[in-house]
Amino acid sequence: MIPPRTTPGNILLPHSPAADKASRSERYRLRVMHDTKRATLHHCLIIILDDLDFGWTHDEIRRFICLWNQGIPLPDIAARLRPMLSSCDARDETALLAMHLMRKGRINLVK
């Protein structure tokens, strides 16, 4: 068995095997504690991807899954779901959705 990963202050990281069994709110609490400690140690945290939109409606997610399962390439799905954005932003936001859905087990990696 792999021991859980901890920080120097023995804060259990949210993606460790032991923390995976914790509830969503517990994982969030652990993440906040970890981020707070990092901010204190390093004086500044940079929030990345703050220019991207992480919000997706249920309908958009259903459409994404349908297109993904049909084998449509990610850039084409992005153009359909985020037509008002630059192709780069649309692709990045859609790739983040794909990563989220893979982590949740709702889609599989296409070969």
N, C-alpha and C. Protein backbone atom coordinates (compact mmCIF):
# COMPACT_ATOMS: atom_id res chain seq x y z
N MET A 1 0.84 -1.19 0.00
CA MET A 1 0.00 0.00 0.00
C MET A 1 0.88 1.24 0.00
N ILE A 2 0.52 2.22 -0.82
CA ILE A 2 1.27 3.47 -0.92
C ILE A 2 0.86 4.39 0.22
N PRO A 3 1.83 4.93 0.98
CA PRO A 3 1.45 5.84 2.07
C PRO A 3 0.92 7.14 1.50
N PRO A 4 -0.02 7.80 2.20
CA PRO A 4 -0.56 9.06 1.72
C PRO A 4 0.52 10.12 1.64
N ARG A 5 0.42 10.99 0.63
CA ARG A 5 1.36 12.10 0.52
C ARG A 5 0.98 13.17 1.52
N THR A 6 1.98 13.72 2.16
CA THR A 6 1.72 14.80 3.10
C THR A 6 2.69 15.93 2.82
N THR A 7 2.33 17.10 3.27
CA THR A 7 3.21 18.25 3.17
C THR A 7 4.10 18.26 4.40
N PRO A 8 5.10 19.15 4.46
CA PRO A 8 5.96 19.19 5.64
C PRO A 8 5.19 19.37 6.94
N GLY A 9 4.05 20.05 6.92
CA GLY A 9 3.25 20.25 8.12
C GLY A 9 2.25 19.14 8.35
N ASN A 10 2.43 17.98 7.68
CA ASN A 10 1.54 16.84 7.79
C ASN A 10 0.11 17.15 7.35
N ILE A 11 -0.05 18.03 6.37
CA ILE A 11 -1.36 18.27 5.79
C ILE A 11 -1.54 17.26 4.67
N LEU A 12 -2.56 16.48 4.76
CA LEU A 12 -2.85 15.45 3.77
C LEU A 12 -3.29 16.13 2.48
N LEU A 13 -2.61 15.83 1.38
CA LEU A 13 -2.96 16.45 0.12
C LEU A 13 -4.25 15.83 -0.42
N PRO A 14 -5.13 16.64 -1.03
CA PRO A 14 -6.44 16.17 -1.46
C PRO A 14 -6.42 15.03 -2.48
N HIS A 15 -5.36 14.89 -3.27
CA HIS A 15 -5.36 13.85 -4.29
C HIS A 15 -4.62 12.60 -3.83
N SER A 16 -4.31 12.48 -2.56
CA SER A 16 -3.66 11.27 -2.06
C SER A 16 -4.68 10.15 -1.94
N PRO A 17 -4.25 8.89 -1.91
CA PRO A 17 -5.20 7.78 -1.81
C PRO A 17 -6.10 7.86 -0.58
N ALA A 18 -5.53 8.25 0.56
CA ALA A 18 -6.36 8.34 1.77
C ALA A 18 -7.37 9.46 1.66
N ALA A 19 -6.99 10.56 1.06
CA ALA A 19 -7.92 11.70 0.96
C ALA A 19 -9.02 11.43 -0.06
N ASP A 20 -8.77 10.53 -1.03
CA ASP A 20 -9.80 10.23 -2.02
C ASP A 20 -11.05 9.66 -1.36
N LYS A 21 -10.88 9.05 -0.18
CA LYS A 21 -12.02 8.47 0.52
C LYS A 21 -12.80 9.53 1.29
N ALA A 22 -12.20 10.68 1.46
CA ALA A 22 -12.85 11.75 2.22
C ALA A 22 -13.98 12.36 1.40
N SER A 23 -14.88 13.00 2.07
CA SER A 23 -15.99 13.65 1.38
C SER A 23 -15.48 14.85 0.58
N ARG A 24 -16.30 15.33 -0.31
CA ARG A 24 -15.94 16.48 -1.13
C ARG A 24 -15.63 17.69 -0.25
N SER A 25 -16.42 17.94 0.77
CA SER A 25 -16.18 19.09 1.63
C SER A 25 -14.88 18.92 2.42
N GLU A 26 -14.57 17.70 2.79
CA GLU A 26 -13.31 17.45 3.50
C GLU A 26 -12.13 17.68 2.57
N ARG A 27 -12.23 17.23 1.33
CA ARG A 27 -11.15 17.48 0.36
C ARG A 27 -10.98 18.97 0.14
N TYR A 28 -12.09 19.71 0.06
CA TYR A 28 -12.01 21.16 -0.12
C TYR A 28 -11.33 21.79 1.10
N ARG A 29 -11.71 21.35 2.29
CA ARG A 29 -11.11 21.90 3.51
C ARG A 29 -9.61 21.64 3.53
N LEU A 30 -9.21 20.43 3.15
CA LEU A 30 -7.79 20.10 3.10
C LEU A 30 -7.06 20.95 2.07
N ARG A 31 -7.70 21.17 0.93
CA ARG A 31 -7.09 22.00 -0.12
C ARG A 31 -6.89 23.44 0.37
N VAL A 32 -7.90 23.99 1.03
CA VAL A 32 -7.79 25.36 1.56
C VAL A 32 -6.67 25.45 2.59
N MET A 33 -6.59 24.45 3.47
CA MET A 33 -5.52 24.44 4.47
C MET A 33 -4.16 24.39 3.79
N HIS A 34 -4.03 23.53 2.79
CA HIS A 34 -2.77 23.39 2.07
C HIS A 34 -2.42 24.70 1.35
N ASP A 35 -3.39 25.29 0.65
CA ASP A 35 -3.13 26.54 -0.07
C ASP A 35 -2.79 27.68 0.88
N THR A 36 -3.46 27.72 2.03
CA THR A 36 -3.18 28.76 3.02
C THR A 36 -1.75 28.63 3.52
N LYS A 37 -1.33 27.41 3.79
CA LYS A 37 0.04 27.19 4.26
C LYS A 37 1.05 27.58 3.19
N ARG A 38 0.77 27.22 1.93
CA ARG A 38 1.68 27.60 0.84
C ARG A 38 1.75 29.11 0.69
N ALA A 39 0.62 29.79 0.80
CA ALA A 39 0.61 31.25 0.67
C ALA A 39 1.44 31.88 1.78
N THR A 40 1.36 31.31 2.97
CA THR A 40 2.13 31.84 4.10
C THR A 40 3.62 31.59 3.88
N LEU A 41 3.98 30.41 3.40
CA LEU A 41 5.38 30.07 3.19
C LEU A 41 6.00 30.82 2.02
N HIS A 42 5.25 30.98 0.97
CA HIS A 42 5.78 31.55 -0.26
C HIS A 42 5.35 33.00 -0.50
N HIS A 43 4.54 33.53 0.38
CA HIS A 43 4.12 34.93 0.35
C HIS A 43 3.14 35.29 -0.76
N CYS A 44 3.08 34.50 -1.82
CA CYS A 44 2.19 34.87 -2.92
C CYS A 44 1.84 33.62 -3.72
N LEU A 45 0.58 33.43 -3.98
CA LEU A 45 0.15 32.36 -4.87
C LEU A 45 -0.34 32.98 -6.16
N ILE A 46 0.01 32.39 -7.26
CA ILE A 46 -0.45 32.84 -8.57
C ILE A 46 -1.63 31.96 -8.96
N ILE A 47 -2.76 32.58 -9.22
CA ILE A 47 -3.93 31.84 -9.69
C ILE A 47 -3.82 31.74 -11.21
N ILE A 48 -3.73 30.51 -11.68
CA ILE A 48 -3.55 30.31 -13.12
C ILE A 48 -4.89 30.18 -13.83
N LEU A 49 -4.88 30.41 -15.11
CA LEU A 49 -6.04 30.25 -15.99
C LEU A 49 -7.22 31.11 -15.57
N ASP A 50 -6.96 32.24 -14.94
CA ASP A 50 -8.05 33.09 -14.46
C ASP A 50 -8.80 33.77 -15.60
N ASP A 51 -8.27 33.69 -16.81
CA ASP A 51 -8.95 34.28 -17.96
C ASP A 51 -9.86 33.28 -18.68
N LEU A 52 -9.91 32.03 -18.19
CA LEU A 52 -10.76 31.02 -18.82
C LEU A 52 -12.06 30.84 -18.05
N ASP A 53 -13.08 30.41 -18.78
CA ASP A 53 -14.40 30.17 -18.19
C ASP A 53 -14.53 28.69 -17.88
N PHE A 54 -14.68 28.37 -16.60
CA PHE A 54 -14.80 26.98 -16.16
C PHE A 54 -16.26 26.54 -16.07
N GLY A 55 -17.19 27.40 -16.39
CA GLY A 55 -18.60 27.08 -16.25
C GLY A 55 -19.17 26.40 -17.49
N TRP A 56 -19.88 25.32 -17.27
CA TRP A 56 -20.54 24.57 -18.34
C TRP A 56 -21.94 24.21 -17.89
N THR A 57 -22.92 24.33 -18.79
CA THR A 57 -24.28 23.93 -18.47
C THR A 57 -24.41 22.41 -18.65
N HIS A 58 -25.46 21.85 -18.08
CA HIS A 58 -25.71 20.41 -18.26
C HIS A 58 -25.88 20.08 -19.73
N ASP A 59 -26.57 20.96 -20.47
CA ASP A 59 -26.78 20.73 -21.90
C ASP A 59 -25.45 20.74 -22.66
N GLU A 60 -24.57 21.68 -22.34
CA GLU A 60 -23.26 21.73 -23.00
C GLU A 60 -22.45 20.48 -22.69
N ILE A 61 -22.53 20.00 -21.47
CA ILE A 61 -21.80 18.78 -21.10
C ILE A 61 -22.36 17.58 -21.84
N ARG A 62 -23.68 17.48 -21.93
CA ARG A 62 -24.30 16.37 -22.69
C ARG A 62 -23.87 16.43 -24.16
N ARG A 63 -23.88 17.64 -24.73
CA ARG A 63 -23.45 17.80 -26.14
C ARG A 63 -21.99 17.39 -26.30
N PHE A 64 -21.14 17.82 -25.34
CA PHE A 64 -19.72 17.45 -25.41
C PHE A 64 -19.57 15.93 -25.41
N ILE A 65 -20.22 15.25 -24.46
CA ILE A 65 -20.09 13.80 -24.35
C ILE A 65 -20.56 13.11 -25.63
N CYS A 66 -21.65 13.58 -26.18
CA CYS A 66 -22.17 13.00 -27.42
C CYS A 66 -21.15 13.16 -28.56
N LEU A 67 -20.61 14.36 -28.73
CA LEU A 67 -19.63 14.61 -29.79
C LEU A 67 -18.35 13.81 -29.54
N TRP A 68 -17.91 13.77 -28.30
CA TRP A 68 -16.70 13.03 -27.93
C TRP A 68 -16.86 11.55 -28.26
N ASN A 69 -18.02 10.98 -27.91
CA ASN A 69 -18.26 9.56 -28.17
C ASN A 69 -18.39 9.25 -29.65
N GLN A 70 -18.69 10.27 -30.46
CA GLN A 70 -18.73 10.10 -31.91
C GLN A 70 -17.34 10.18 -32.54
N GLY A 71 -16.35 10.51 -31.71
CA GLY A 71 -14.97 10.60 -32.21
C GLY A 71 -14.61 11.93 -32.83
N ILE A 72 -15.43 12.95 -32.58
CA ILE A 72 -15.14 14.30 -33.11
C ILE A 72 -13.88 14.82 -32.42
N PRO A 73 -12.92 15.38 -33.18
CA PRO A 73 -11.70 15.91 -32.56
C PRO A 73 -12.00 17.07 -31.62
N LEU A 74 -11.20 17.18 -30.58
CA LEU A 74 -11.40 18.21 -29.55
C LEU A 74 -11.48 19.63 -30.14
N PRO A 75 -10.61 20.03 -31.07
CA PRO A 75 -10.74 21.39 -31.62
C PRO A 75 -12.09 21.64 -32.30
N ASP A 76 -12.63 20.61 -32.94
CA ASP A 76 -13.94 20.75 -33.59
C ASP A 76 -15.06 20.86 -32.56
N ILE A 77 -14.96 20.07 -31.49
CA ILE A 77 -15.95 20.17 -30.41
C ILE A 77 -15.88 21.56 -29.80
N ALA A 78 -14.68 22.05 -29.58
CA ALA A 78 -14.49 23.38 -28.99
C ALA A 78 -15.13 24.46 -29.87
N ALA A 79 -14.95 24.35 -31.16
CA ALA A 79 -15.53 25.35 -32.08
C ALA A 79 -17.05 25.31 -32.04
N ARG A 80 -17.63 24.15 -31.82
CA ARG A 80 -19.09 24.04 -31.75
C ARG A 80 -19.64 24.53 -30.41
N LEU A 81 -18.93 24.23 -29.32
CA LEU A 81 -19.44 24.57 -28.00
C LEU A 81 -19.08 25.99 -27.56
N ARG A 82 -18.00 26.53 -28.05
CA ARG A 82 -17.55 27.87 -27.68
C ARG A 82 -17.25 28.69 -28.93
N PRO A 83 -18.25 28.87 -29.83
CA PRO A 83 -18.00 29.53 -31.11
C PRO A 83 -17.61 31.00 -30.99
N MET A 84 -17.96 31.64 -29.88
CA MET A 84 -17.70 33.07 -29.73
C MET A 84 -16.28 33.37 -29.26
N LEU A 85 -15.50 32.34 -28.93
CA LEU A 85 -14.16 32.54 -28.40
C LEU A 85 -13.10 32.33 -29.47
N SER A 86 -11.89 32.80 -29.17
CA SER A 86 -10.77 32.47 -30.04
C SER A 86 -10.59 30.95 -30.02
N SER A 87 -10.02 30.41 -31.08
CA SER A 87 -9.87 28.96 -31.14
C SER A 87 -8.99 28.45 -30.00
N CYS A 88 -8.00 29.24 -29.60
CA CYS A 88 -7.11 28.83 -28.50
C CYS A 88 -7.87 28.75 -27.18
N ASP A 89 -8.64 29.79 -26.83
CA ASP A 89 -9.40 29.78 -25.59
C ASP A 89 -10.48 28.69 -25.61
N ALA A 90 -11.16 28.55 -26.75
CA ALA A 90 -12.20 27.53 -26.86
C ALA A 90 -11.60 26.14 -26.67
N ARG A 91 -10.46 25.90 -27.29
CA ARG A 91 -9.80 24.60 -27.16
C ARG A 91 -9.37 24.34 -25.72
N ASP A 92 -8.78 25.35 -25.07
CA ASP A 92 -8.31 25.17 -23.70
C ASP A 92 -9.47 24.91 -22.73
N GLU A 93 -10.55 25.67 -22.86
CA GLU A 93 -11.70 25.46 -21.97
C GLU A 93 -12.32 24.09 -22.19
N THR A 94 -12.38 23.67 -23.44
CA THR A 94 -12.96 22.37 -23.76
C THR A 94 -12.04 21.24 -23.31
N ALA A 95 -10.74 21.44 -23.41
CA ALA A 95 -9.79 20.43 -22.92
C ALA A 95 -9.92 20.27 -21.41
N LEU A 96 -10.15 21.37 -20.70
CA LEU A 96 -10.35 21.29 -19.24
C LEU A 96 -11.63 20.52 -18.92
N LEU A 97 -12.68 20.74 -19.73
CA LEU A 97 -13.91 19.96 -19.53
C LEU A 97 -13.63 18.48 -19.77
N ALA A 98 -12.89 18.15 -20.82
CA ALA A 98 -12.56 16.75 -21.11
C ALA A 98 -11.77 16.15 -19.95
N MET A 99 -10.81 16.88 -19.41
CA MET A 99 -10.03 16.38 -18.28
C MET A 99 -10.95 16.14 -17.07
N HIS A 100 -11.86 17.07 -16.82
CA HIS A 100 -12.80 16.91 -15.70
C HIS A 100 -13.65 15.65 -15.87
N LEU A 101 -14.20 15.47 -17.08
CA LEU A 101 -15.07 14.32 -17.33
C LEU A 101 -14.30 13.01 -17.28
N MET A 102 -13.04 13.01 -17.70
CA MET A 102 -12.21 11.80 -17.59
C MET A 102 -11.95 11.47 -16.12
N ARG A 103 -11.64 12.48 -15.33
CA ARG A 103 -11.38 12.26 -13.90
C ARG A 103 -12.63 11.74 -13.19
N LYS A 104 -13.82 12.14 -13.66
CA LYS A 104 -15.08 11.69 -13.07
C LYS A 104 -15.53 10.35 -13.66
N GLY A 105 -14.82 9.84 -14.65
CA GLY A 105 -15.17 8.56 -15.26
C GLY A 105 -16.35 8.64 -16.22
N ARG A 106 -16.66 9.83 -16.70
CA ARG A 106 -17.82 9.99 -17.60
C ARG A 106 -17.45 9.83 -19.07
N ILE A 107 -16.17 9.97 -19.41
CA ILE A 107 -15.69 9.70 -20.76
C ILE A 107 -14.38 8.94 -20.65
N ASN A 108 -14.00 8.30 -21.75
CA ASN A 108 -12.73 7.58 -21.83
C ASN A 108 -11.86 8.24 -22.87
N LEU A 109 -10.56 8.05 -22.73
CA LEU A 109 -9.61 8.57 -23.69
C LEU A 109 -9.84 7.86 -25.02
N VAL A 110 -9.93 8.63 -26.07
CA VAL A 110 -10.15 8.07 -27.41
C VAL A 110 -8.81 7.63 -27.97
N LYS A 111 -8.78 6.44 -28.56
CA LYS A 111 -7.53 5.94 -29.15
C LYS A 111 -7.52 6.16 -30.64
